[in-house]
């Protein structure tokens, strides 16, 4: 598939953004955040789930969705440890990459389907 000059620029820009991310991620320590119990349970379930469907060719969007689902599962791995609970929330220490993935997913969904919660 051929890309327009703008698409080629966007691809290069995204690569350069990734380079910035590679430099930043080693400089940032995990941070404690609060998440609702229901979201912690959802993340734990994603970690515990076995994906047995055979892999097949994916579109870019499908690859992105699978990657974001994997990030949720990795948060579930962290959440599978004993966490301190404060009312309807858990305190959990996440790496900045996990936080960034969650924020990125929120932005994607909010931009694509505003008000869909």
PDB file of N, CA and C in Angstrom:
ATOM      1  N   UNK A   1       0.845  -1.167   0.000  1.00  0.00           N
ATOM      2  CA  UNK A   1       0.000   0.000   0.000  1.00  0.00           C
ATOM      3  C   UNK A   1       0.894   1.234   0.000  1.00  0.00           C
ATOM      4  N   UNK A   2       0.626   2.125  -0.864  1.00  0.00           N
ATOM      5  CA  UNK A   2       1.419   3.344  -0.930  1.00  0.00           C
ATOM      6  C   UNK A   2       0.847   4.382   0.023  1.00  0.00           C
ATOM      7  N   UNK A   3       1.746   5.191   0.525  1.00  0.00           N
ATOM      8  CA  UNK A   3       1.345   6.253   1.449  1.00  0.00           C
ATOM      9  C   UNK A   3       1.512   7.603   0.775  1.00  0.00           C
ATOM     10  N   UNK A   4       0.660   8.512   1.146  1.00  0.00           N
ATOM     11  CA  UNK A   4       0.797   9.870   0.650  1.00  0.00           C
ATOM     12  C   UNK A   4       2.004  10.514   1.343  1.00  0.00           C
ATOM     13  N   UNK A   5       2.495  11.616   0.820  1.00  0.00           N
ATOM     14  CA  UNK A   5       3.608  12.305   1.490  1.00  0.00           C
ATOM     15  C   UNK A   5       3.262  12.658   2.945  1.00  0.00           C
ATOM     16  N   UNK A   6       2.025  13.053   3.196  1.00  0.00           N
ATOM     17  CA  UNK A   6       1.635  13.374   4.577  1.00  0.00           C
ATOM     18  C   UNK A   6       1.683  12.127   5.449  1.00  0.00           C
ATOM     19  N   UNK A   7       1.204  10.987   4.944  1.00  0.00           N
ATOM     20  CA  UNK A   7       1.230   9.748   5.720  1.00  0.00           C
ATOM     21  C   UNK A   7       2.662   9.318   6.021  1.00  0.00           C
ATOM     22  N   UNK A   8       3.561   9.522   5.058  1.00  0.00           N
ATOM     23  CA  UNK A   8       4.976   9.213   5.292  1.00  0.00           C
ATOM     24  C   UNK A   8       5.547  10.109   6.397  1.00  0.00           C
ATOM     25  N   UNK A   9       5.183  11.386   6.382  1.00  0.00           N
ATOM     26  CA  UNK A   9       5.631  12.298   7.435  1.00  0.00           C
ATOM     27  C   UNK A   9       5.080  11.874   8.790  1.00  0.00           C
ATOM     28  N   UNK A  10       3.802  11.479   8.820  1.00  0.00           N
ATOM     29  CA  UNK A  10       3.190  11.046  10.079  1.00  0.00           C
ATOM     30  C   UNK A  10       3.896   9.803  10.619  1.00  0.00           C
ATOM     31  N   UNK A  11       4.233   8.866   9.727  1.00  0.00           N
ATOM     32  CA  UNK A  11       4.932   7.652  10.155  1.00  0.00           C
ATOM     33  C   UNK A  11       6.292   8.025  10.750  1.00  0.00           C
ATOM     34  N   UNK A  12       7.020   8.916  10.079  1.00  0.00           N
ATOM     35  CA  UNK A  12       8.323   9.340  10.600  1.00  0.00           C
ATOM     36  C   UNK A  12       8.150  10.077  11.930  1.00  0.00           C
ATOM     37  N   UNK A  13       7.143  10.922  12.019  1.00  0.00           N
ATOM     38  CA  UNK A  13       6.888  11.628  13.274  1.00  0.00           C
ATOM     39  C   UNK A  13       6.577  10.647  14.401  1.00  0.00           C
ATOM     40  N   UNK A  14       5.788   9.616  14.112  1.00  0.00           N
ATOM     41  CA  UNK A  14       5.457   8.645  15.156  1.00  0.00           C
ATOM     42  C   UNK A  14       6.697   7.875  15.595  1.00  0.00           C
ATOM     43  N   UNK A  15       7.610   7.592  14.653  1.00  0.00           N
ATOM     44  CA  UNK A  15       8.875   6.942  15.015  1.00  0.00           C
ATOM     45  C   UNK A  15       9.692   7.851  15.931  1.00  0.00           C
ATOM     46  N   UNK A  16       9.744   9.142  15.594  1.00  0.00           N
ATOM     47  CA  UNK A  16      10.505  10.076  16.430  1.00  0.00           C
ATOM     48  C   UNK A  16       9.865  10.246  17.801  1.00  0.00           C
ATOM     49  N   UNK A  17       8.539  10.223  17.874  1.00  0.00           N
ATOM     50  CA  UNK A  17       7.869  10.258  19.169  1.00  0.00           C
ATOM     51  C   UNK A  17       8.253   9.024  19.984  1.00  0.00           C
ATOM     52  N   UNK A  18       8.330   7.873  19.331  1.00  0.00           N
ATOM     53  CA  UNK A  18       8.756   6.645  20.012  1.00  0.00           C
ATOM     54  C   UNK A  18      10.180   6.784  20.545  1.00  0.00           C
ATOM     55  N   UNK A  19      11.053   7.435  19.789  1.00  0.00           N
ATOM     56  CA  UNK A  19      12.422   7.662  20.254  1.00  0.00           C
ATOM     57  C   UNK A  19      12.425   8.517  21.532  1.00  0.00           C
ATOM     58  N   UNK A  20      11.594   9.543  21.552  1.00  0.00           N
ATOM     59  CA  UNK A  20      11.480  10.362  22.767  1.00  0.00           C
ATOM     60  C   UNK A  20      11.008   9.480  23.919  1.00  0.00           C
ATOM     61  N   UNK A  21      10.004   8.646  23.663  1.00  0.00           N
ATOM     62  CA  UNK A  21       9.498   7.743  24.693  1.00  0.00           C
ATOM     63  C   UNK A  21      10.565   6.804  25.222  1.00  0.00           C
ATOM     64  N   UNK A  22      11.429   6.311  24.351  1.00  0.00           N
ATOM     65  CA  UNK A  22      12.505   5.415  24.788  1.00  0.00           C
ATOM     66  C   UNK A  22      13.455   6.125  25.751  1.00  0.00           C
ATOM     67  N   UNK A  23      13.711   7.383  25.505  1.00  0.00           N
ATOM     68  CA  UNK A  23      14.584   8.152  26.406  1.00  0.00           C
ATOM     69  C   UNK A  23      13.880   8.466  27.723  1.00  0.00           C
ATOM     70  N   UNK A  24      12.598   8.737  27.658  1.00  0.00           N
ATOM     71  CA  UNK A  24      11.864   9.128  28.861  1.00  0.00           C
ATOM     72  C   UNK A  24      11.572   7.964  29.797  1.00  0.00           C
ATOM     73  N   UNK A  25      11.247   6.809  29.237  1.00  0.00           N
ATOM     74  CA  UNK A  25      10.776   5.720  30.093  1.00  0.00           C
ATOM     75  C   UNK A  25      11.813   5.269  31.112  1.00  0.00           C
ATOM     76  N   UNK A  26      13.072   5.394  30.804  1.00  0.00           N
ATOM     77  CA  UNK A  26      14.103   4.983  31.752  1.00  0.00           C
ATOM     78  C   UNK A  26      14.320   6.018  32.859  1.00  0.00           C
ATOM     79  N   UNK A  27      13.749   7.209  32.679  1.00  0.00           N
ATOM     80  CA  UNK A  27      13.938   8.279  33.653  1.00  0.00           C
ATOM     81  C   UNK A  27      12.783   8.371  34.653  1.00  0.00           C
ATOM     82  N   UNK A  28      11.734   7.619  34.440  1.00  0.00           N
ATOM     83  CA  UNK A  28      10.529   7.756  35.244  1.00  0.00           C
ATOM     84  C   UNK A  28      10.328   6.552  36.151  1.00  0.00           C
ATOM     85  N   UNK A  29      10.039   6.809  37.400  1.00  0.00           N
ATOM     86  CA  UNK A  29       9.779   5.756  38.381  1.00  0.00           C
ATOM     87  C   UNK A  29       8.282   5.479  38.451  1.00  0.00           C
ATOM     88  N   UNK A  30       7.911   4.270  38.891  1.00  0.00           N
ATOM     89  CA  UNK A  30       6.487   3.986  39.063  1.00  0.00           C
ATOM     90  C   UNK A  30       5.837   4.975  40.034  1.00  0.00           C
ATOM     91  N   UNK A  31       4.541   5.149  39.874  1.00  0.00           N
ATOM     92  CA  UNK A  31       3.800   6.089  40.714  1.00  0.00           C
ATOM     93  C   UNK A  31       2.558   5.378  41.255  1.00  0.00           C
ATOM     94  N   UNK A  32       2.187   5.727  42.478  1.00  0.00           N
ATOM     95  CA  UNK A  32       0.988   5.145  43.072  1.00  0.00           C
ATOM     96  C   UNK A  32      -0.233   5.947  42.623  1.00  0.00           C
ATOM     97  N   UNK A  33      -1.223   5.218  42.137  1.00  0.00           N
ATOM     98  CA  UNK A  33      -2.469   5.844  41.682  1.00  0.00           C
ATOM     99  C   UNK A  33      -3.644   5.110  42.323  1.00  0.00           C
ATOM    100  N   UNK A  34      -4.804   5.720  42.240  1.00  0.00           N
ATOM    101  CA  UNK A  34      -6.044   5.126  42.747  1.00  0.00           C
ATOM    102  C   UNK A  34      -6.902   4.703  41.559  1.00  0.00           C
ATOM    103  N   UNK A  35      -7.408   3.483  41.635  1.00  0.00           N
ATOM    104  CA  UNK A  35      -8.325   2.993  40.606  1.00  0.00           C
ATOM    105  C   UNK A  35      -9.526   2.346  41.273  1.00  0.00           C
ATOM    106  N   UNK A  36     -10.700   2.511  40.672  1.00  0.00           N
ATOM    107  CA  UNK A  36     -11.899   1.874  41.244  1.00  0.00           C
ATOM    108  C   UNK A  36     -11.752   0.355  41.298  1.00  0.00           C
ATOM    109  N   UNK A  37     -12.377  -0.233  42.311  1.00  0.00           N
ATOM    110  CA  UNK A  37     -12.343  -1.678  42.493  1.00  0.00           C
ATOM    111  C   UNK A  37     -12.799  -2.392  41.220  1.00  0.00           C
ATOM    112  N   UNK A  38     -13.846  -1.884  40.586  1.00  0.00           N
ATOM    113  CA  UNK A  38     -14.374  -2.551  39.389  1.00  0.00           C
ATOM    114  C   UNK A  38     -13.344  -2.604  38.263  1.00  0.00           C
ATOM    115  N   UNK A  39     -12.566  -1.543  38.102  1.00  0.00           N
ATOM    116  CA  UNK A  39     -11.544  -1.551  37.047  1.00  0.00           C
ATOM    117  C   UNK A  39     -10.377  -2.464  37.407  1.00  0.00           C
ATOM    118  N   UNK A  40     -10.030  -2.532  38.678  1.00  0.00           N
ATOM    119  CA  UNK A  40      -8.977  -3.462  39.109  1.00  0.00           C
ATOM    120  C   UNK A  40      -9.429  -4.896  38.828  1.00  0.00           C
ATOM    121  N   UNK A  41     -10.677  -5.203  39.143  1.00  0.00           N
ATOM    122  CA  UNK A  41     -11.192  -6.553  38.886  1.00  0.00           C
ATOM    123  C   UNK A  41     -11.207  -6.857  37.389  1.00  0.00           C
ATOM    124  N   UNK A  42     -11.545  -5.879  36.571  1.00  0.00           N
ATOM    125  CA  UNK A  42     -11.534  -6.063  35.119  1.00  0.00           C
ATOM    126  C   UNK A  42     -10.114  -6.339  34.631  1.00  0.00           C
ATOM    127  N   UNK A  43      -9.148  -5.607  35.146  1.00  0.00           N
ATOM    128  CA  UNK A  43      -7.750  -5.816  34.759  1.00  0.00           C
ATOM    129  C   UNK A  43      -7.260  -7.187  35.217  1.00  0.00           C
ATOM    130  N   UNK A  44      -7.629  -7.586  36.424  1.00  0.00           N
ATOM    131  CA  UNK A  44      -7.244  -8.920  36.921  1.00  0.00           C
ATOM    132  C   UNK A  44      -7.825 -10.017  36.031  1.00  0.00           C
ATOM    133  N   UNK A  45      -9.073  -9.838  35.612  1.00  0.00           N
ATOM    134  CA  UNK A  45      -9.705 -10.830  34.737  1.00  0.00           C
ATOM    135  C   UNK A  45      -8.993 -10.898  33.380  1.00  0.00           C
ATOM    136  N   UNK A  46      -8.570  -9.748  32.874  1.00  0.00           N
ATOM    137  CA  UNK A  46      -7.827  -9.735  31.604  1.00  0.00           C
ATOM    138  C   UNK A  46      -6.510 -10.488  31.749  1.00  0.00           C
ATOM    139  N   UNK A  47      -5.846 -10.348  32.891  1.00  0.00           N
ATOM    140  CA  UNK A  47      -4.587 -11.053  33.129  1.00  0.00           C
ATOM    141  C   UNK A  47      -4.828 -12.557  33.227  1.00  0.00           C
ATOM    142  N   UNK A  48      -5.914 -12.966  33.881  1.00  0.00           N
ATOM    143  CA  UNK A  48      -6.189 -14.380  34.120  1.00  0.00           C
ATOM    144  C   UNK A  48      -6.704 -15.097  32.875  1.00  0.00           C
ATOM    145  N   UNK A  49      -7.232 -14.353  31.915  1.00  0.00           N
ATOM    146  CA  UNK A  49      -7.858 -14.944  30.731  1.00  0.00           C
ATOM    147  C   UNK A  49      -6.811 -15.570  29.803  1.00  0.00           C
ATOM    148  N   UNK A  50      -7.146 -16.722  29.266  1.00  0.00           N
ATOM    149  CA  UNK A  50      -6.306 -17.351  28.252  1.00  0.00           C
ATOM    150  C   UNK A  50      -6.886 -17.040  26.888  1.00  0.00           C
ATOM    151  N   UNK A  51      -6.058 -16.511  26.024  1.00  0.00           N
ATOM    152  CA  UNK A  51      -6.491 -16.238  24.652  1.00  0.00           C
ATOM    153  C   UNK A  51      -6.065 -17.415  23.783  1.00  0.00           C
ATOM    154  N   UNK A  52      -7.022 -18.229  23.409  1.00  0.00           N
ATOM    155  CA  UNK A  52      -6.721 -19.447  22.667  1.00  0.00           C
ATOM    156  C   UNK A  52      -7.030 -19.342  21.183  1.00  0.00           C
ATOM    157  N   UNK A  53      -7.639 -18.224  20.772  1.00  0.00           N
ATOM    158  CA  UNK A  53      -7.936 -18.059  19.356  1.00  0.00           C
ATOM    159  C   UNK A  53      -6.641 -18.002  18.561  1.00  0.00           C
ATOM    160  N   UNK A  54      -6.598 -18.682  17.420  1.00  0.00           N
ATOM    161  CA  UNK A  54      -5.376 -18.620  16.602  1.00  0.00           C
ATOM    162  C   UNK A  54      -5.166 -17.197  16.062  1.00  0.00           C
ATOM    163  N   UNK A  55      -3.906 -16.824  15.989  1.00  0.00           N
ATOM    164  CA  UNK A  55      -3.587 -15.510  15.431  1.00  0.00           C
ATOM    165  C   UNK A  55      -3.734 -15.560  13.915  1.00  0.00           C
ATOM    166  N   UNK A  56      -4.270 -14.512  13.397  1.00  0.00           N
ATOM    167  CA  UNK A  56      -4.408 -14.400  11.952  1.00  0.00           C
ATOM    168  C   UNK A  56      -3.966 -13.004  11.550  1.00  0.00           C
ATOM    169  N   UNK A  57      -3.999 -12.755  10.271  1.00  0.00           N
ATOM    170  CA  UNK A  57      -3.616 -11.430   9.788  1.00  0.00           C
ATOM    171  C   UNK A  57      -4.535 -10.393  10.416  1.00  0.00           C
ATOM    172  N   UNK A  58      -3.951  -9.266  10.802  1.00  0.00           N
ATOM    173  CA  UNK A  58      -4.707  -8.216  11.466  1.00  0.00           C
ATOM    174  C   UNK A  58      -4.553  -6.901  10.722  1.00  0.00           C
ATOM    175  N   UNK A  59      -5.575  -6.088  10.834  1.00  0.00           N
ATOM    176  CA  UNK A  59      -5.452  -4.715  10.368  1.00  0.00           C
ATOM    177  C   UNK A  59      -4.657  -3.956  11.432  1.00  0.00           C
ATOM    178  N   UNK A  60      -4.246  -2.763  11.092  1.00  0.00           N
ATOM    179  CA  UNK A  60      -3.531  -1.948  12.070  1.00  0.00           C
ATOM    180  C   UNK A  60      -4.408  -1.700  13.297  1.00  0.00           C
ATOM    181  N   UNK A  61      -5.692  -1.413  13.065  1.00  0.00           N
ATOM    182  CA  UNK A  61      -6.595  -1.159  14.192  1.00  0.00           C
ATOM    183  C   UNK A  61      -6.708  -2.386  15.092  1.00  0.00           C
ATOM    184  N   UNK A  62      -6.800  -3.571  14.502  1.00  0.00           N
ATOM    185  CA  UNK A  62      -6.878  -4.797  15.300  1.00  0.00           C
ATOM    186  C   UNK A  62      -5.602  -5.025  16.096  1.00  0.00           C
ATOM    187  N   UNK A  63      -4.464  -4.734  15.496  1.00  0.00           N
ATOM    188  CA  UNK A  63      -3.194  -4.845  16.207  1.00  0.00           C
ATOM    189  C   UNK A  63      -3.151  -3.869  17.373  1.00  0.00           C
ATOM    190  N   UNK A  64      -3.613  -2.656  17.143  1.00  0.00           N
ATOM    191  CA  UNK A  64      -3.651  -1.649  18.195  1.00  0.00           C
ATOM    192  C   UNK A  64      -4.559  -2.097  19.332  1.00  0.00           C
ATOM    193  N   UNK A  65      -5.747  -2.603  19.011  1.00  0.00           N
ATOM    194  CA  UNK A  65      -6.677  -3.059  20.053  1.00  0.00           C
ATOM    195  C   UNK A  65      -6.068  -4.213  20.854  1.00  0.00           C
ATOM    196  N   UNK A  66      -5.410  -5.156  20.172  1.00  0.00           N
ATOM    197  CA  UNK A  66      -4.769  -6.273  20.869  1.00  0.00           C
ATOM    198  C   UNK A  66      -3.665  -5.773  21.791  1.00  0.00           C
ATOM    199  N   UNK A  67      -2.894  -4.807  21.319  1.00  0.00           N
ATOM    200  CA  UNK A  67      -1.818  -4.242  22.129  1.00  0.00           C
ATOM    201  C   UNK A  67      -2.371  -3.546  23.373  1.00  0.00           C
ATOM    202  N   UNK A  68      -3.438  -2.784  23.199  1.00  0.00           N
ATOM    203  CA  UNK A  68      -4.041  -2.100  24.348  1.00  0.00           C
ATOM    204  C   UNK A  68      -4.652  -3.107  25.321  1.00  0.00           C
ATOM    205  N   UNK A  69      -5.263  -4.167  24.797  1.00  0.00           N
ATOM    206  CA  UNK A  69      -5.789  -5.222  25.667  1.00  0.00           C
ATOM    207  C   UNK A  69      -4.655  -5.869  26.465  1.00  0.00           C
ATOM    208  N   UNK A  70      -3.513  -6.033  25.823  1.00  0.00           N
ATOM    209  CA  UNK A  70      -2.340  -6.570  26.519  1.00  0.00           C
ATOM    210  C   UNK A  70      -1.874  -5.655  27.636  1.00  0.00           C
ATOM    211  N   UNK A  71      -1.950  -4.359  27.409  1.00  0.00           N
ATOM    212  CA  UNK A  71      -1.575  -3.402  28.460  1.00  0.00           C
ATOM    213  C   UNK A  71      -2.512  -3.513  29.654  1.00  0.00           C
ATOM    214  N   UNK A  72      -3.811  -3.690  29.377  1.00  0.00           N
ATOM    215  CA  UNK A  72      -4.764  -3.899  30.465  1.00  0.00           C
ATOM    216  C   UNK A  72      -4.391  -5.154  31.250  1.00  0.00           C
ATOM    217  N   UNK A  73      -4.053  -6.227  30.549  1.00  0.00           N
ATOM    218  CA  UNK A  73      -3.672  -7.474  31.216  1.00  0.00           C
ATOM    219  C   UNK A  73      -2.421  -7.277  32.079  1.00  0.00           C
ATOM    220  N   UNK A  74      -1.463  -6.488  31.596  1.00  0.00           N
ATOM    221  CA  UNK A  74      -0.254  -6.239  32.399  1.00  0.00           C
ATOM    222  C   UNK A  74      -0.568  -5.421  33.651  1.00  0.00           C
ATOM    223  N   UNK A  75      -1.523  -4.521  33.553  1.00  0.00           N
ATOM    224  CA  UNK A  75      -1.988  -3.827  34.763  1.00  0.00           C
ATOM    225  C   UNK A  75      -2.642  -4.842  35.689  1.00  0.00           C
ATOM    226  N   UNK A  76      -3.370  -5.797  35.106  1.00  0.00           N
ATOM    227  CA  UNK A  76      -3.963  -6.866  35.894  1.00  0.00           C
ATOM    228  C   UNK A  76      -2.933  -7.716  36.606  1.00  0.00           C
ATOM    229  N   UNK A  77      -1.785  -7.923  35.975  1.00  0.00           N
ATOM    230  CA  UNK A  77      -0.697  -8.657  36.629  1.00  0.00           C
ATOM    231  C   UNK A  77      -0.251  -7.920  37.889  1.00  0.00           C
ATOM    232  N   UNK A  78      -0.045  -6.616  37.772  1.00  0.00           N
ATOM    233  CA  UNK A  78       0.337  -5.815  38.934  1.00  0.00           C
ATOM    234  C   UNK A  78      -0.785  -5.865  39.974  1.00  0.00           C
ATOM    235  N   UNK A  79      -2.025  -5.793  39.516  1.00  0.00           N
ATOM    236  CA  UNK A  79      -3.174  -5.789  40.416  1.00  0.00           C
ATOM    237  C   UNK A  79      -3.410  -7.138  41.081  1.00  0.00           C
ATOM    238  N   UNK A  80      -2.797  -8.199  40.556  1.00  0.00           N
ATOM    239  CA  UNK A  80      -2.982  -9.518  41.158  1.00  0.00           C
ATOM    240  C   UNK A  80      -2.207  -9.658  42.462  1.00  0.00           C
ATOM    241  N   UNK A  81      -1.345  -8.705  42.751  1.00  0.00           N
ATOM    242  CA  UNK A  81      -0.645  -8.677  44.034  1.00  0.00           C
ATOM    243  C   UNK A  81      -1.584  -8.089  45.085  1.00  0.00           C
ATOM    244  N   UNK A  82      -1.194  -8.211  46.331  1.00  0.00           N
ATOM    245  CA  UNK A  82      -1.995  -7.598  47.391  1.00  0.00           C
ATOM    246  C   UNK A  82      -1.929  -6.090  47.255  1.00  0.00           C
ATOM    247  N   UNK A  83      -3.085  -5.469  47.198  1.00  0.00           N
ATOM    248  CA  UNK A  83      -3.171  -4.019  47.074  1.00  0.00           C
ATOM    249  C   UNK A  83      -3.885  -3.465  48.300  1.00  0.00           C
ATOM    250  N   UNK A  84      -3.552  -2.253  48.646  1.00  0.00           N
ATOM    251  CA  UNK A  84      -4.270  -1.567  49.713  1.00  0.00           C
ATOM    252  C   UNK A  84      -5.576  -1.032  49.151  1.00  0.00           C
ATOM    253  N   UNK A  85      -6.632  -1.252  49.901  1.00  0.00           N
ATOM    254  CA  UNK A  85      -7.942  -0.778  49.472  1.00  0.00           C
ATOM    255  C   UNK A  85      -8.345   0.415  50.329  1.00  0.00           C
ATOM    256  N   UNK A  86      -8.908   1.405  49.669  1.00  0.00           N
ATOM    257  CA  UNK A  86      -9.406   2.591  50.350  1.00  0.00           C
ATOM    258  C   UNK A  86     -10.822   2.846  49.847  1.00  0.00           C
ATOM    259  N   UNK A  87     -11.812   2.302  50.557  1.00  0.00           N
ATOM    260  CA  UNK A  87     -13.196   2.439  50.127  1.00  0.00           C
ATOM    261  C   UNK A  87     -13.454   1.699  48.832  1.00  0.00           C
ATOM    262  N   UNK A  88     -13.905   2.430  47.818  1.00  0.00           N
ATOM    263  CA  UNK A  88     -14.215   1.839  46.517  1.00  0.00           C
ATOM    264  C   UNK A  88     -13.033   1.873  45.557  1.00  0.00           C
ATOM    265  N   UNK A  89     -11.838   2.107  46.085  1.00  0.00           N
ATOM    266  CA  UNK A  89     -10.640   2.199  45.239  1.00  0.00           C
ATOM    267  C   UNK A  89      -9.505   1.357  45.812  1.00  0.00           C
ATOM    268  N   UNK A  90      -8.634   0.970  44.915  1.00  0.00           N
ATOM    269  CA  UNK A  90      -7.380   0.334  45.293  1.00  0.00           C
ATOM    270  C   UNK A  90      -6.242   1.308  45.001  1.00  0.00           C
ATOM    271  N   UNK A  91      -5.190   1.202  45.786  1.00  0.00           N
ATOM    272  CA  UNK A  91      -3.957   1.928  45.507  1.00  0.00           C
ATOM    273  C   UNK A  91      -3.033   0.958  44.786  1.00  0.00           C
ATOM    274  N   UNK A  92      -2.515   1.374  43.645  1.00  0.00           N
ATOM    275  CA  UNK A  92      -1.683   0.504  42.812  1.00  0.00           C
ATOM    276  C   UNK A  92      -0.525   1.313  42.251  1.00  0.00           C
ATOM    277  N   UNK A  93       0.665   0.698  42.244  1.00  0.00           N
ATOM    278  CA  UNK A  93       1.852   1.350  41.683  1.00  0.00           C
ATOM    279  C   UNK A  93       2.000   0.915  40.224  1.00  0.00           C
ATOM    280  N   UNK A  94       1.890   1.889  39.329  1.00  0.00           N
ATOM    281  CA  UNK A  94       2.008   1.603  37.902  1.00  0.00           C
ATOM    282  C   UNK A  94       3.218   2.308  37.322  1.00  0.00           C
ATOM    283  N   UNK A  95       3.773   1.679  36.316  1.00  0.00           N
ATOM    284  CA  UNK A  95       4.840   2.325  35.556  1.00  0.00           C
ATOM    285  C   UNK A  95       4.209   3.388  34.670  1.00  0.00           C
ATOM    286  N   UNK A  96       5.005   4.375  34.334  1.00  0.00           N
ATOM    287  CA  UNK A  96       4.487   5.466  33.501  1.00  0.00           C
ATOM    288  C   UNK A  96       4.022   4.970  32.138  1.00  0.00           C
ATOM    289  N   UNK A  97       4.656   3.939  31.615  1.00  0.00           N
ATOM    290  CA  UNK A  97       4.215   3.386  30.335  1.00  0.00           C
ATOM    291  C   UNK A  97       2.807   2.822  30.420  1.00  0.00           C
ATOM    292  N   UNK A  98       2.491   2.196  31.561  1.00  0.00           N
ATOM    293  CA  UNK A  98       1.145   1.670  31.751  1.00  0.00           C
ATOM    294  C   UNK A  98       0.138   2.816  31.861  1.00  0.00           C
ATOM    295  N   UNK A  99       0.535   3.859  32.570  1.00  0.00           N
ATOM    296  CA  UNK A  99      -0.328   5.032  32.694  1.00  0.00           C
ATOM    297  C   UNK A  99      -0.522   5.673  31.323  1.00  0.00           C
ATOM    298  N   UNK A 100       0.565   5.803  30.587  1.00  0.00           N
ATOM    299  CA  UNK A 100       0.482   6.411  29.252  1.00  0.00           C
ATOM    300  C   UNK A 100      -0.410   5.580  28.338  1.00  0.00           C
ATOM    301  N   UNK A 101      -0.317   4.251  28.416  1.00  0.00           N
ATOM    302  CA  UNK A 101      -1.176   3.392  27.593  1.00  0.00           C
ATOM    303  C   UNK A 101      -2.640   3.602  27.935  1.00  0.00           C
ATOM    304  N   UNK A 102      -2.952   3.700  29.228  1.00  0.00           N
ATOM    305  CA  UNK A 102      -4.333   3.914  29.639  1.00  0.00           C
ATOM    306  C   UNK A 102      -4.844   5.277  29.168  1.00  0.00           C
ATOM    307  N   UNK A 103      -3.999   6.288  29.278  1.00  0.00           N
ATOM    308  CA  UNK A 103      -4.395   7.622  28.819  1.00  0.00           C
ATOM    309  C   UNK A 103      -4.572   7.644  27.301  1.00  0.00           C
ATOM    310  N   UNK A 104      -3.685   6.960  26.591  1.00  0.00           N
ATOM    311  CA  UNK A 104      -3.778   6.875  25.141  1.00  0.00           C
ATOM    312  C   UNK A 104      -5.080   6.184  24.732  1.00  0.00           C
ATOM    313  N   UNK A 105      -5.401   5.078  25.406  1.00  0.00           N
ATOM    314  CA  UNK A 105      -6.642   4.364  25.106  1.00  0.00           C
ATOM    315  C   UNK A 105      -7.850   5.259  25.377  1.00  0.00           C
ATOM    316  N   UNK A 106      -7.808   5.996  26.484  1.00  0.00           N
ATOM    317  CA  UNK A 106      -8.916   6.910  26.800  1.00  0.00           C
ATOM    318  C   UNK A 106      -9.069   7.961  25.711  1.00  0.00           C
ATOM    319  N   UNK A 107      -7.959   8.531  25.278  1.00  0.00           N
ATOM    320  CA  UNK A 107      -8.019   9.539  24.223  1.00  0.00           C
ATOM    321  C   UNK A 107      -8.559   8.955  22.925  1.00  0.00           C
ATOM    322  N   UNK A 108      -8.104   7.750  22.557  1.00  0.00           N
ATOM    323  CA  UNK A 108      -8.590   7.117  21.326  1.00  0.00           C
ATOM    324  C   UNK A 108     -10.091   6.900  21.380  1.00  0.00           C
ATOM    325  N   UNK A 109     -10.565   6.322  22.468  1.00  0.00           N
ATOM    326  CA  UNK A 109     -11.992   6.033  22.582  1.00  0.00           C
ATOM    327  C   UNK A 109     -12.805   7.311  22.677  1.00  0.00           C
ATOM    328  N   UNK A 110     -12.315   8.291  23.422  1.00  0.00           N
ATOM    329  CA  UNK A 110     -13.056   9.550  23.551  1.00  0.00           C
ATOM    330  C   UNK A 110     -13.113  10.300  22.230  1.00  0.00           C
ATOM    331  N   UNK A 111     -12.031  10.254  21.463  1.00  0.00           N
ATOM    332  CA  UNK A 111     -12.021  10.913  20.154  1.00  0.00           C
ATOM    333  C   UNK A 111     -12.910  10.175  19.149  1.00  0.00           C
ATOM    334  N   UNK A 112     -12.920   8.855  19.248  1.00  0.00           N
ATOM    335  CA  UNK A 112     -13.670   8.042  18.284  1.00  0.00           C
ATOM    336  C   UNK A 112     -15.160   7.997  18.605  1.00  0.00           C
ATOM    337  N   UNK A 113     -15.460   7.869  19.896  1.00  0.00           N
ATOM    338  CA  UNK A 113     -16.853   7.753  20.314  1.00  0.00           C
ATOM    339  C   UNK A 113     -17.079   8.619  21.545  1.00  0.00           C
ATOM    340  N   UNK A 114     -17.145   9.944  21.358  1.00  0.00           N
ATOM    341  CA  UNK A 114     -17.356  10.827  22.515  1.00  0.00           C
ATOM    342  C   UNK A 114     -18.604  10.433  23.304  1.00  0.00           C
ATOM    343  N   UNK A 115     -18.457  10.425  24.603  1.00  0.00           N
ATOM    344  CA  UNK A 115     -19.591  10.110  25.468  1.00  0.00           C
ATOM    345  C   UNK A 115     -19.871   8.634  25.624  1.00  0.00           C
ATOM    346  N   UNK A 116     -19.108   7.750  24.969  1.00  0.00           N
ATOM    347  CA  UNK A 116     -19.324   6.326  25.070  1.00  0.00           C
ATOM    348  C   UNK A 116     -18.589   5.795  26.290  1.00  0.00           C
ATOM    349  N   UNK A 117     -19.310   5.605  27.357  1.00  0.00           N
ATOM    350  CA  UNK A 117     -18.686   5.094  28.592  1.00  0.00           C
ATOM    351  C   UNK A 117     -19.461   3.927  29.113  1.00  0.00           C
TER     352      UNK A 117
END
